[in-house]
Amino acid sequence: MIRMGTSGFSYEDWVGPVYPEGLPKGQWLGYYAEHFDTVELNVSYYRIPSQKIAEGWVERTPDHFLFTLKAHQSITHEREHPEFEAFLSTVAPISEAGKLACILAQFPYSFHASDVNRDYLLRLREGFALMPVVVEFRDHGWVSEETFELLEQLGLGFCSVDEPPIKGLMPPVARATSDVAYVRFHGRNAAKWWQHDHAWERYDYTYREDELSEWVPRIRALDQAAHLTLVYANNHYHGQSVDTLRKLESLLADGI
């Protein structure tokens, strides 16, 4: 089963390109859910939402809709005092409604493939108990059979990424290490990846069809290997992520 959505839905610059002019913010998620059946929520990285907010997400989406929540920064970036319990309390109403796709634990580039950090992956698994969790690495040093075997042992998914071909970053490796396969399209804006004034500049990129076609056989292979394959487009500036998904949907439908 392949589910496709965008990384986030609440962007002011989507008014016009994605959302109709005058559509109230409170109706954005409902409108989004008319066009996509899953969304990756990045807001949970910056602050842990309350249960009431999570319940609102559940109420404003249809029964079949799935959410992925990015793990809070205390869990992936700070790591000294990871707030697992508070985060799980937010996830609870989504999980109980049958709408949780998984939790995405995106680690920073500074999270290198060391023994200490491998041990932390065990702590991550224990902290999230039986919840479905996918790990995104930024340092290419994690690309190894040792890593894939460790993720399989811990029941953690591997996040495949498309991003600029910059030395040190993750290559476009597609691998399923759990029941959940995962792909994130970050765009290929190499010029703005490390040097930018605003965070959105990194993801300001419009994919060409030939670039996306490279992923069609990879996504199909992931779909064969996992129970659920999640594909999210993170090049969200001015709704370019929606364009990415429309092109990819067409390519997958054509069997290219």
C-alpha atoms as a PDB file:
ATOM      1  CA  MET A   1       0.000   0.000   0.000  1.00  0.00           C
ATOM      2  CA  ILE A   2       1.463   3.337  -1.084  1.00  0.00           C
ATOM      3  CA  ARG A   3       0.304   6.509   0.669  1.00  0.00           C
ATOM      4  CA  MET A   4       1.473   9.908  -0.584  1.00  0.00           C
ATOM      5  CA  GLY A   5       1.300  13.312   1.066  1.00  0.00           C
ATOM      6  CA  THR A   6       3.201  16.479   1.844  1.00  0.00           C
ATOM      7  CA  SER A   7       5.445  17.446   4.729  1.00  0.00           C
ATOM      8  CA  GLY A   8       3.136  19.849   6.522  1.00  0.00           C
ATOM      9  CA  PHE A   9      -0.063  21.495   5.320  1.00  0.00           C
ATOM     10  CA  SER A  10      -0.243  24.809   7.177  1.00  0.00           C
ATOM     11  CA  TYR A  11       1.663  27.277   5.005  1.00  0.00           C
ATOM     12  CA  GLU A  12       0.588  30.842   4.297  1.00  0.00           C
ATOM     13  CA  ASP A  13       2.241  30.723   0.862  1.00  0.00           C
ATOM     14  CA  TRP A  14      -0.092  27.861  -0.135  1.00  0.00           C
ATOM     15  CA  VAL A  15      -3.014  30.304  -0.333  1.00  0.00           C
ATOM     16  CA  GLY A  16      -3.484  30.664  -4.066  1.00  0.00           C
ATOM     17  CA  PRO A  17      -1.246  27.828  -5.302  1.00  0.00           C
ATOM     18  CA  VAL A  18      -3.002  25.177  -3.153  1.00  0.00           C
ATOM     19  CA  TYR A  19      -5.770  26.644  -0.983  1.00  0.00           C
ATOM     20  CA  PRO A  20      -8.531  28.853  -2.398  1.00  0.00           C
ATOM     21  CA  GLU A  21      -8.388  32.509  -1.462  1.00  0.00           C
ATOM     22  CA  GLY A  22     -10.538  33.175   1.583  1.00  0.00           C
ATOM     23  CA  LEU A  23     -10.544  29.605   2.887  1.00  0.00           C
ATOM     24  CA  PRO A  24     -10.296  29.872   6.719  1.00  0.00           C
ATOM     25  CA  LYS A  25      -7.185  28.327   8.289  1.00  0.00           C
ATOM     26  CA  GLY A  26      -9.367  26.034  10.345  1.00  0.00           C
ATOM     27  CA  GLN A  27     -10.536  24.397   7.114  1.00  0.00           C
ATOM     28  CA  TRP A  28      -7.107  23.907   5.536  1.00  0.00           C
ATOM     29  CA  LEU A  29      -6.600  20.373   6.876  1.00  0.00           C
ATOM     30  CA  GLY A  30     -10.076  19.275   5.813  1.00  0.00           C
ATOM     31  CA  TYR A  31      -9.467  20.676   2.329  1.00  0.00           C
ATOM     32  CA  TYR A  32      -6.059  18.996   2.182  1.00  0.00           C
ATOM     33  CA  ALA A  33      -7.617  15.659   3.199  1.00  0.00           C
ATOM     34  CA  GLU A  34      -9.934  15.856   0.199  1.00  0.00           C
ATOM     35  CA  HIS A  35      -6.878  15.554  -2.047  1.00  0.00           C
ATOM     36  CA  PHE A  36      -4.391  13.438  -0.070  1.00  0.00           C
ATOM     37  CA  ASP A  37      -4.773  10.546   2.366  1.00  0.00           C
ATOM     38  CA  THR A  38      -1.767  11.216   4.592  1.00  0.00           C
ATOM     39  CA  VAL A  39       0.321  14.103   5.919  1.00  0.00           C
ATOM     40  CA  GLU A  40       3.651  14.381   7.697  1.00  0.00           C
ATOM     41  CA  LEU A  41       3.412  16.844  10.583  1.00  0.00           C
ATOM     42  CA  ASN A  42       6.636  18.728  11.283  1.00  0.00           C
ATOM     43  CA  VAL A  43       5.143  21.041  13.911  1.00  0.00           C
ATOM     44  CA  SER A  44       5.657  18.328  16.541  1.00  0.00           C
ATOM     45  CA  TYR A  45       9.425  18.689  16.156  1.00  0.00           C
ATOM     46  CA  TYR A  46       9.345  22.291  17.426  1.00  0.00           C
ATOM     47  CA  ARG A  47       6.795  21.847  20.190  1.00  0.00           C
ATOM     48  CA  ILE A  48       4.810  18.911  21.481  1.00  0.00           C
ATOM     49  CA  PRO A  49       1.154  19.612  20.653  1.00  0.00           C
ATOM     50  CA  SER A  50      -1.528  19.077  23.272  1.00  0.00           C
ATOM     51  CA  GLN A  51      -3.892  16.136  23.135  1.00  0.00           C
ATOM     52  CA  LYS A  52      -6.692  18.567  22.312  1.00  0.00           C
ATOM     53  CA  ILE A  53      -4.876  19.702  19.169  1.00  0.00           C
ATOM     54  CA  ALA A  54      -4.237  16.096  18.173  1.00  0.00           C
ATOM     55  CA  GLU A  55      -7.912  15.280  18.709  1.00  0.00           C
ATOM     56  CA  GLY A  56      -8.779  18.193  16.423  1.00  0.00           C
ATOM     57  CA  TRP A  57      -6.597  16.728  13.662  1.00  0.00           C
ATOM     58  CA  VAL A  58      -8.417  13.427  14.036  1.00  0.00           C
ATOM     59  CA  GLU A  59     -11.839  15.058  13.923  1.00  0.00           C
ATOM     60  CA  ARG A  60     -11.097  17.106  10.791  1.00  0.00           C
ATOM     61  CA  THR A  61      -9.970  14.154   8.675  1.00  0.00           C
ATOM     62  CA  PRO A  62     -11.788  11.115   7.232  1.00  0.00           C
ATOM     63  CA  ASP A  63     -11.500   7.663   8.778  1.00  0.00           C
ATOM     64  CA  HIS A  64      -8.937   6.381   6.280  1.00  0.00           C
ATOM     65  CA  PHE A  65      -6.540   9.338   6.733  1.00  0.00           C
ATOM     66  CA  LEU A  66      -3.074   8.722   8.224  1.00  0.00           C
ATOM     67  CA  PHE A  67      -0.707  11.013  10.132  1.00  0.00           C
ATOM     68  CA  THR A  68       3.051  10.840  10.523  1.00  0.00           C
ATOM     69  CA  LEU A  69       4.439  12.940  13.382  1.00  0.00           C
ATOM     70  CA  LYS A  70       8.037  14.086  13.441  1.00  0.00           C
ATOM     71  CA  ALA A  71       9.642  13.325  16.801  1.00  0.00           C
ATOM     72  CA  HIS A  72      10.305  16.284  19.081  1.00  0.00           C
ATOM     73  CA  GLN A  73      13.764  17.872  18.979  1.00  0.00           C
ATOM     74  CA  SER A  74      14.478  16.753  22.546  1.00  0.00           C
ATOM     75  CA  ILE A  75      14.373  13.187  21.216  1.00  0.00           C
ATOM     76  CA  THR A  76      16.428  13.555  18.035  1.00  0.00           C
ATOM     77  CA  HIS A  77      18.637  16.630  18.358  1.00  0.00           C
ATOM     78  CA  GLU A  78      19.182  17.338  22.053  1.00  0.00           C
ATOM     79  CA  ARG A  79      18.856  13.734  23.286  1.00  0.00           C
ATOM     80  CA  GLU A  80      19.966  14.410  26.890  1.00  0.00           C
ATOM     81  CA  HIS A  81      16.417  14.432  28.248  1.00  0.00           C
ATOM     82  CA  PRO A  82      14.197  13.021  25.494  1.00  0.00           C
ATOM     83  CA  GLU A  83      10.525  13.730  26.162  1.00  0.00           C
ATOM     84  CA  PHE A  84       9.145  10.355  25.120  1.00  0.00           C
ATOM     85  CA  GLU A  85       6.273  10.287  27.589  1.00  0.00           C
ATOM     86  CA  ALA A  86       4.936  13.727  26.680  1.00  0.00           C
ATOM     87  CA  PHE A  87       5.239  12.970  22.976  1.00  0.00           C
ATOM     88  CA  LEU A  88       3.405   9.667  23.313  1.00  0.00           C
ATOM     89  CA  SER A  89       0.545  11.394  25.126  1.00  0.00           C
ATOM     90  CA  THR A  90       0.026  13.513  21.998  1.00  0.00           C
ATOM     91  CA  VAL A  91       0.256  10.500  19.708  1.00  0.00           C
ATOM     92  CA  ALA A  92      -2.282   8.544  21.777  1.00  0.00           C
ATOM     93  CA  PRO A  93      -5.552   9.961  20.349  1.00  0.00           C
ATOM     94  CA  ILE A  94      -4.214   9.604  16.793  1.00  0.00           C
ATOM     95  CA  SER A  95      -3.134   6.030  17.389  1.00  0.00           C
ATOM     96  CA  GLU A  96      -6.401   5.130  19.145  1.00  0.00           C
ATOM     97  CA  ALA A  97      -8.322   6.448  16.145  1.00  0.00           C
ATOM     98  CA  GLY A  98      -6.319   4.156  13.856  1.00  0.00           C
ATOM     99  CA  LYS A  99      -4.818   7.149  12.074  1.00  0.00           C
ATOM    100  CA  LEU A 100      -1.141   6.878  13.025  1.00  0.00           C
ATOM    101  CA  ALA A 101       1.117   5.930  10.131  1.00  0.00           C
ATOM    102  CA  CYS A 102       4.317   6.257  12.153  1.00  0.00           C
ATOM    103  CA  ILE A 103       6.670   8.529  14.061  1.00  0.00           C
ATOM    104  CA  LEU A 104       9.559  10.017  12.075  1.00  0.00           C
ATOM    105  CA  ALA A 105      12.800  10.414  14.018  1.00  0.00           C
ATOM    106  CA  GLN A 106      14.922  12.735  11.887  1.00  0.00           C
ATOM    107  CA  PHE A 107      18.435  13.032  13.264  1.00  0.00           C
ATOM    108  CA  PRO A 108      20.809  15.904  12.424  1.00  0.00           C
ATOM    109  CA  TYR A 109      23.896  15.644  10.224  1.00  0.00           C
ATOM    110  CA  SER A 110      25.999  15.679  13.415  1.00  0.00           C
ATOM    111  CA  PHE A 111      24.444  12.343  14.463  1.00  0.00           C
ATOM    112  CA  HIS A 112      27.214  10.165  13.058  1.00  0.00           C
ATOM    113  CA  ALA A 113      27.440   6.394  12.816  1.00  0.00           C
ATOM    114  CA  SER A 114      29.172   5.781  16.158  1.00  0.00           C
ATOM    115  CA  ASP A 115      28.719   3.152  18.848  1.00  0.00           C
ATOM    116  CA  VAL A 116      27.232   5.766  21.169  1.00  0.00           C
ATOM    117  CA  ASN A 117      24.629   6.730  18.598  1.00  0.00           C
ATOM    118  CA  ARG A 118      23.851   3.111  17.758  1.00  0.00           C
ATOM    119  CA  ASP A 119      23.135   2.628  21.451  1.00  0.00           C
ATOM    120  CA  TYR A 120      20.833   5.640  21.325  1.00  0.00           C
ATOM    121  CA  LEU A 121      18.781   3.929  18.620  1.00  0.00           C
ATOM    122  CA  LEU A 122      18.059   1.214  21.175  1.00  0.00           C
ATOM    123  CA  ARG A 123      16.953   3.913  23.624  1.00  0.00           C
ATOM    124  CA  LEU A 124      14.759   5.355  20.871  1.00  0.00           C
ATOM    125  CA  ARG A 125      13.124   1.988  20.319  1.00  0.00           C
ATOM    126  CA  GLU A 126      12.500   1.505  24.038  1.00  0.00           C
ATOM    127  CA  GLY A 127      11.219   5.053  24.467  1.00  0.00           C
ATOM    128  CA  PHE A 128       8.584   4.648  21.778  1.00  0.00           C
ATOM    129  CA  ALA A 129       7.665   1.117  22.888  1.00  0.00           C
ATOM    130  CA  LEU A 130       5.576  -0.609  20.223  1.00  0.00           C
ATOM    131  CA  MET A 131       4.844   2.486  18.155  1.00  0.00           C
ATOM    132  CA  PRO A 132       5.870   2.318  14.467  1.00  0.00           C
ATOM    133  CA  VAL A 133       9.029   4.439  14.092  1.00  0.00           C
ATOM    134  CA  VAL A 134      11.079   5.419  11.039  1.00  0.00           C
ATOM    135  CA  VAL A 135      14.592   6.852  11.310  1.00  0.00           C
ATOM    136  CA  GLU A 136      16.010   9.487   8.968  1.00  0.00           C
ATOM    137  CA  PHE A 137      19.769   9.935   8.938  1.00  0.00           C
ATOM    138  CA  ARG A 138      21.515  12.924   7.370  1.00  0.00           C
ATOM    139  CA  ASP A 139      25.095  11.625   7.527  1.00  0.00           C
ATOM    140  CA  HIS A 140      25.958   9.220   4.686  1.00  0.00           C
ATOM    141  CA  GLY A 141      28.124   7.216   7.096  1.00  0.00           C
ATOM    142  CA  TRP A 142      25.001   5.337   8.186  1.00  0.00           C
ATOM    143  CA  VAL A 143      24.600   3.695   4.786  1.00  0.00           C
ATOM    144  CA  SER A 144      25.814   0.167   5.514  1.00  0.00           C
ATOM    145  CA  GLU A 145      24.531  -3.350   5.968  1.00  0.00           C
ATOM    146  CA  GLU A 146      25.378  -2.990   9.659  1.00  0.00           C
ATOM    147  CA  THR A 147      22.907  -0.124   9.929  1.00  0.00           C
ATOM    148  CA  PHE A 148      20.163  -1.915   8.024  1.00  0.00           C
ATOM    149  CA  GLU A 149      20.574  -5.037  10.137  1.00  0.00           C
ATOM    150  CA  LEU A 150      20.430  -2.992  13.339  1.00  0.00           C
ATOM    151  CA  LEU A 151      17.256  -1.231  12.217  1.00  0.00           C
ATOM    152  CA  GLU A 152      15.673  -4.570  11.336  1.00  0.00           C
ATOM    153  CA  GLN A 153      16.591  -5.999  14.737  1.00  0.00           C
ATOM    154  CA  LEU A 154      15.052  -2.994  16.489  1.00  0.00           C
ATOM    155  CA  GLY A 155      11.974  -2.893  14.270  1.00  0.00           C
ATOM    156  CA  LEU A 156      12.828   0.613  13.041  1.00  0.00           C
ATOM    157  CA  GLY A 157      12.110   1.771   9.513  1.00  0.00           C
ATOM    158  CA  PHE A 158      14.721   3.399   7.279  1.00  0.00           C
ATOM    159  CA  CYS A 159      13.883   6.727   5.654  1.00  0.00           C
ATOM    160  CA  SER A 160      14.982   6.897   2.023  1.00  0.00           C
ATOM    161  CA  VAL A 161      15.645  10.429   0.836  1.00  0.00           C
ATOM    162  CA  ASP A 162      16.027  12.430  -2.325  1.00  0.00           C
ATOM    163  CA  GLU A 163      18.179  15.482  -1.674  1.00  0.00           C
ATOM    164  CA  PRO A 164      21.079  17.343  -3.303  1.00  0.00           C
ATOM    165  CA  PRO A 165      24.078  15.170  -4.298  1.00  0.00           C
ATOM    166  CA  ILE A 166      26.370  16.931  -1.829  1.00  0.00           C
ATOM    167  CA  LYS A 167      29.348  15.113  -0.345  1.00  0.00           C
ATOM    168  CA  GLY A 168      28.468  13.735   3.074  1.00  0.00           C
ATOM    169  CA  LEU A 169      24.694  13.738   2.604  1.00  0.00           C
ATOM    170  CA  MET A 170      22.610  10.619   2.219  1.00  0.00           C
ATOM    171  CA  PRO A 171      22.536   9.045  -1.254  1.00  0.00           C
ATOM    172  CA  PRO A 172      19.208   7.948  -2.798  1.00  0.00           C
ATOM    173  CA  VAL A 173      19.193   4.494  -1.203  1.00  0.00           C
ATOM    174  CA  ALA A 174      15.818   2.745  -1.002  1.00  0.00           C
ATOM    175  CA  ARG A 175      15.586   0.081   1.678  1.00  0.00           C
ATOM    176  CA  ALA A 176      12.778  -1.370   3.797  1.00  0.00           C
ATOM    177  CA  THR A 177      13.838  -2.439   7.298  1.00  0.00           C
ATOM    178  CA  SER A 178      10.409  -2.690   8.944  1.00  0.00           C
ATOM    179  CA  ASP A 179       6.735  -2.964   8.041  1.00  0.00           C
ATOM    180  CA  VAL A 180       6.820   0.727   7.134  1.00  0.00           C
ATOM    181  CA  ALA A 181       8.870   1.891   4.138  1.00  0.00           C
ATOM    182  CA  TYR A 182       9.435   5.624   3.833  1.00  0.00           C
ATOM    183  CA  VAL A 183      10.574   8.138   1.207  1.00  0.00           C
ATOM    184  CA  ARG A 184      11.088  11.901   1.612  1.00  0.00           C
ATOM    185  CA  PHE A 185      11.619  14.271  -1.305  1.00  0.00           C
ATOM    186  CA  HIS A 186      13.576  17.265  -0.031  1.00  0.00           C
ATOM    187  CA  GLY A 187      14.388  18.799  -3.409  1.00  0.00           C
ATOM    188  CA  ARG A 188      17.820  19.206  -4.955  1.00  0.00           C
ATOM    189  CA  ASN A 189      18.583  22.828  -4.175  1.00  0.00           C
ATOM    190  CA  ALA A 190      22.309  22.356  -3.543  1.00  0.00           C
ATOM    191  CA  ALA A 191      23.070  26.083  -3.553  1.00  0.00           C
ATOM    192  CA  LYS A 192      20.767  26.750  -0.598  1.00  0.00           C
ATOM    193  CA  TRP A 193      21.203  23.522   1.377  1.00  0.00           C
ATOM    194  CA  TRP A 194      23.860  24.800   3.774  1.00  0.00           C
ATOM    195  CA  GLN A 195      23.725  28.552   3.109  1.00  0.00           C
ATOM    196  CA  HIS A 196      20.337  30.220   3.368  1.00  0.00           C
ATOM    197  CA  ASP A 197      18.696  33.099   5.209  1.00  0.00           C
ATOM    198  CA  HIS A 198      15.395  31.277   5.771  1.00  0.00           C
ATOM    199  CA  ALA A 199      14.747  27.576   6.349  1.00  0.00           C
ATOM    200  CA  TRP A 200      12.267  27.329   3.469  1.00  0.00           C
ATOM    201  CA  GLU A 201      14.973  28.268   0.965  1.00  0.00           C
ATOM    202  CA  ARG A 202      16.559  24.822   1.373  1.00  0.00           C
ATOM    203  CA  TYR A 203      13.355  23.235   0.086  1.00  0.00           C
ATOM    204  CA  ASP A 204      12.619  25.700  -2.725  1.00  0.00           C
ATOM    205  CA  TYR A 205      12.807  23.304  -5.632  1.00  0.00           C
ATOM    206  CA  THR A 206      10.589  22.080  -8.463  1.00  0.00           C
ATOM    207  CA  TYR A 207      11.249  18.504  -9.573  1.00  0.00           C
ATOM    208  CA  ARG A 208      11.374  17.544 -13.218  1.00  0.00           C
ATOM    209  CA  GLU A 209       9.562  14.397 -14.277  1.00  0.00           C
ATOM    210  CA  ASP A 210      12.792  12.691 -15.298  1.00  0.00           C
ATOM    211  CA  GLU A 211      14.169  13.233 -11.773  1.00  0.00           C
ATOM    212  CA  LEU A 212      11.075  11.705 -10.198  1.00  0.00           C
ATOM    213  CA  SER A 213      10.983   8.810 -12.653  1.00  0.00           C
ATOM    214  CA  GLU A 214      14.221   7.557 -11.060  1.00  0.00           C
ATOM    215  CA  TRP A 215      12.168   6.762  -7.960  1.00  0.00           C
ATOM    216  CA  VAL A 216       9.333   4.834  -9.587  1.00  0.00           C
ATOM    217  CA  PRO A 217      11.070   1.420  -9.553  1.00  0.00           C
ATOM    218  CA  ARG A 218      12.428   2.107  -6.060  1.00  0.00           C
ATOM    219  CA  ILE A 219       9.002   2.952  -4.682  1.00  0.00           C
ATOM    220  CA  ARG A 220       7.490  -0.106  -6.344  1.00  0.00           C
ATOM    221  CA  ALA A 221      10.211  -2.286  -4.793  1.00  0.00           C
ATOM    222  CA  LEU A 222       9.544  -0.776  -1.358  1.00  0.00           C
ATOM    223  CA  ASP A 223       5.844  -1.433  -1.818  1.00  0.00           C
ATOM    224  CA  GLN A 224       6.630  -5.104  -2.406  1.00  0.00           C
ATOM    225  CA  ALA A 225       8.871  -5.288   0.670  1.00  0.00           C
ATOM    226  CA  ALA A 226       6.740  -3.445   3.259  1.00  0.00           C
ATOM    227  CA  HIS A 227       3.151  -3.462   4.469  1.00  0.00           C
ATOM    228  CA  LEU A 228       2.895   0.330   4.156  1.00  0.00           C
ATOM    229  CA  THR A 229       4.973   2.662   1.971  1.00  0.00           C
ATOM    230  CA  LEU A 230       4.829   6.354   2.829  1.00  0.00           C
ATOM    231  CA  VAL A 231       5.964   8.972   0.323  1.00  0.00           C
ATOM    232  CA  TYR A 232       6.183  12.602   1.434  1.00  0.00           C
ATOM    233  CA  ALA A 233       7.265  15.675  -0.501  1.00  0.00           C
ATOM    234  CA  ASN A 234       9.067  18.250   1.626  1.00  0.00           C
ATOM    235  CA  ASN A 235       9.765  20.854  -1.091  1.00  0.00           C
ATOM    236  CA  HIS A 236       6.845  22.808   0.317  1.00  0.00           C
ATOM    237  CA  TYR A 237       7.613  26.401  -0.749  1.00  0.00           C
ATOM    238  CA  HIS A 238       4.649  27.800  -2.700  1.00  0.00           C
ATOM    239  CA  GLY A 239       3.121  24.344  -2.873  1.00  0.00           C
ATOM    240  CA  GLN A 240       5.861  22.785  -4.989  1.00  0.00           C
ATOM    241  CA  SER A 241       5.407  19.599  -2.948  1.00  0.00           C
ATOM    242  CA  VAL A 242       1.882  19.226  -4.339  1.00  0.00           C
ATOM    243  CA  ASP A 243       3.289  19.490  -7.856  1.00  0.00           C
ATOM    244  CA  THR A 244       5.863  16.833  -6.953  1.00  0.00           C
ATOM    245  CA  LEU A 245       3.183  14.392  -5.826  1.00  0.00           C
ATOM    246  CA  ARG A 246       0.955  14.986  -8.839  1.00  0.00           C
ATOM    247  CA  LYS A 247       3.851  14.227 -11.183  1.00  0.00           C
ATOM    248  CA  LEU A 248       4.855  11.168  -9.174  1.00  0.00           C
ATOM    249  CA  GLU A 249       1.285   9.867  -9.070  1.00  0.00           C
ATOM    250  CA  SER A 250       1.126  10.132 -12.843  1.00  0.00           C
ATOM    251  CA  LEU A 251       4.438   8.335 -13.308  1.00  0.00           C
ATOM    252  CA  LEU A 252       3.419   5.520 -10.960  1.00  0.00           C
ATOM    253  CA  ALA A 253       0.073   5.158 -12.720  1.00  0.00           C
ATOM    254  CA  ASP A 254       1.810   4.927 -16.103  1.00  0.00           C
ATOM    255  CA  GLY A 255       4.109   2.214 -14.761  1.00  0.00           C
ATOM    256  CA  ILE A 256       7.246   4.067 -15.849  1.00  0.00           C
END
